[in-house]
Amino acid sequence: MEIFGVDIGGSGIKGAPVDLDRGDLAQERHKVLTPHPATPEAVVAGVCEVVEHFGWKGPIGATFPGVITDGTARTAANVDKSWIGTDIRKLVSDRLGGAPVTVLNDADAAGVAEMHFGAGKDRKGTVLLLTLGTGIGSALFTGGRLVPNTELGHLELHGHDAEKRASSKAREDEDLSWEHWAHRVQKYLAHVEMLFSPELFIIGGGVSRKAHKFLPLIEGISAEIVPAQLQNNAGIVGAAMAASEA
């Protein structure tokens, strides 16, 4: 069975049909750059471009970098603040001719995919997926069940939003060495571990492709730390899974 998934991020909008039996993309994903300013109309135009690239006409799952309740954005991280209060589900559906649309937090989508098909499969304890990208997204699971919209990238760490210090974007913007950045990530993981005591951290986002460059440098964390197996496609897969369940 194939369902379309699209992942809206602070830097890119990417999507593809997903084979839900395999938990993988059915075709090579298509990506467009996130417009700036990343207003609802501009971003949804990008979503439509990605969907129309495949000629897709069926149900669609979409992720969003913020808190989502009943298809509506309650916060907006790394996109324009005019998203707050926007019914994303209706906006995307209307622009795509009434196609059924399901919307969820971007990290929650990645987490759902990793728990079902990837690094969290068959893990029943407390598991925390963290996406290190333009910001830091989080998906918390206990007993295999998602606690939605945790947004732990906005925890305060040394007087700052944690994602301002430990995201992949922070590493690039400040031209940090892998060692220096790994030390920041380590401090963030230690803080989150103190709060939630997970048995497993799954590190996702685009930087998960380079996990060998920084994960071995992280010390002093009790939980097991592994890279996401679906890497940066996890959000697309999870979005499609959510649309299928809806």
Foldseek 3Di string as FASTA:
>chain_A
DWAKFWEDDLFKIKIAIADLVQLGGPDDIDMDTQDPQNDLVSRLVRVVVRCVVVPDQAEYFYAFAAADDPQAGCAHPSHDRNSHGPNSQVVNCVVRVNHGYHYFHQQQLLVLSCCPNHDNDPPQAWEKEWEAALFIAIWIDHRSDTPGGPRQQQDDDPNGRLRCQAHPVVCVVVVNALLVNLVSVLSSLVVVCVVPVTQEYEYAHQCLVVCVSRVVNRDDHNHHYHYIPNHHCSSRSSRRVRRVVD
